[in-house]
Structures are given as structure tokens and as C-alpha cells.
Amino acid sequence: MTNFITWSIIEGALELGLIYALIALALFLTYSMLNVCDLSTDGCYTLGCATGAVVAIAGHPVLALFAAMGVGVISGFINAFLQTKLGVESMLAGIIVNTGLYTINLAIMGKSVISMNDTQTIFTWLKDILSETSFAGAYKIIIALIFAVAVALIMLWFLGTRMGLSIRATGDNPDMVKSSSINPAFMTTIGLCIGGALTALSGCLIGEYQKSCDINMGTGMVTVALASLIIGETLFAKRSVKVRVFGVIFGSCLYRVIVAIALRFNLPASALKLVSAIIVAVAIAMPAIKRYIEAKKIKRAALRRRSERGV
């Protein structure tokens, strides 16, 4: 078992899980809190990576993070504008934005693949700083953990503010919010802009982590993030918002670990999408499976009591 699953495999899965957790947190805000289905995740993720890669290659790896978040905000704003001002359904608006972003991403990159092998990134920057310490080999997971925890804490703070509470109320009952002199369209715009910023930030981090950017790297990212969200929400259902936020991060890491273990069965690289699809299907079905198991337990308990009364 030790040879089958090594620490390097788990560590790599955790690194990716923590970075992808930013997308899951974006969906937590837009889907779970705001009750808006945002399907622009795939394109926005690639948008953040493309923008970050171009800025990092220009010699500004830290500025690349803010540039990625900026274009993510713009993407979220356009998505919100289609929904709130033009009356486009949320799913259709996300598809429209996602489709348009493909051309924009290609224009930013200039080609379908960008290599950053000789580019300074925040990962190489921290690696140089920790080169003389005992943490030299853990620089990737340190950066991923810092960003995941920082974003989670900022989100918890934000959801406790007046605006954050208004966003949560908008997701629960937009009609009630409107009667309370709160503009639900503005709350939707804020939520989608923040979600776009987090998604693009994740894409930028992945680009600097992998030192490459591919025009098709965002394909299926919304389903992966949704699976991470559902895993976290299922395991930590009916808990406080604080527990649910960190549960989303745990769900993202657990998803990546499951994928890493599944790929250890000598599966071809082309099977990754199938493995991801199966995990997503199981994750989405988990609430129904739990209800089925609980119903079976109740039924067996009722039959047992009936049998005991008969005796």
C-alpha cells in the first residue's frame, strides 16, 4: 500500500485540491449562497490563467494575480449584466460568456499554449526564499494553503458583513429582499464579480504552478468544482457557514486525492475525464444515497418494532 500511494502523490493532490478550492468557494458563494447557476467557470478559469501567464512572462508574477482577479471581475460583471439588465437566464448567460471567453482567451495568449518554464513565478520565488530551510520541498503546498485559508477567512468575514448578509438573503428570498429596500440585481452583480475573481485567481495560480497555460485547460472545470462543492456540502450539511466554507476546501482536497488514487490503477491519461465524470456523478448522487440509506434504516427499525410487538 505504501508503494501504491506515496506521500508525493498525496502531496500533489493536496496542492491541486487547495488551489482548485478557490473555484469551489466561488461556486459556494454564487450557487449555494446566491442561488445563481454560473456556467462561465470554464472560460473564466482559463481567462485568469491566460492573463496571469502574460503578465508573469512580462516579469510581474505577483501583479499577475491581481490582473487575473481584475479580468475575473469583468467576466462576472458581464455575466451579471446579461442576467440583471437583459433578462437572460443564469444558465444561458453563463454559456454565452463562456463561449465568448474562448476567443478572448486565445487573443490574450496569442497561441493555444504558453510555456512559462523560464518565467519567475510566486512558486519559484518562495522556493528561492526557503532553499536554505527545512521547508524547501514544501513551497508549493505552503503557497496553496496560504491562498486557500486566506480566501476562506476573507469570505467568512465578508458573509458576516451587511452586504454579505444581503447576498445570502437574496439567494434565499429575492422578493423579500426587494421589499427591504435592497437591490437584488446589485447583490447578484457583486456575488458574480467575486466568484469570477476567485475563479480567475485559481486559474492564474494553476498556470504559475504548472508553468504552462493551455486554451482548453478549463474544459469541465465547472463539474470538477461542483463535485468538490457537493462533497463538502454533503459531509458538512446543516452546519454553520464557517464549517461549510472549510468543508468546501476539504471536499476539493478529497476529490483530488480520489482522482490521484484512481489514476494509480494504471489507467491511461485519456481516462481522466471518465474518472472525473464518475466521481462527479457519485458526489451529486450522495445526498440521494444518504436519504435512501436513512429510509432503509427507518423501515428496518419499524419492522423490528412491529415484530417485537407481535412476539
Foldseek 3Di string as FASTA:
>chain_A
DCVLDDVVLLLVLLLLLLLLLLLLLLCCLCCVQQVFDAQLLLLLLLQLQLQLLVVQQVPCQPVSLVRSLVVLLVLLLQLLCCCLPVVDHRVVSNVVSNVVSLVVSCVSNVHFKDFQPVTDHVLVVVLVVCVPDPCNVVSSSVVSVVVSVVVLVVLVVQCPDPLNVLSNVNNVPVVVSVVVVHDSSVSSSVSSSSSSSSSSSSSNSVCRVVRMRGSNVSVPSVLLSVLLLLQLCLVQPPDDPSSSSVSSSVSSSVSSSQLSSVVSVVDDPVCSVVSSVVSSVCSVCVVVVVVVVVVVVVVVVVVVVVVVVVD
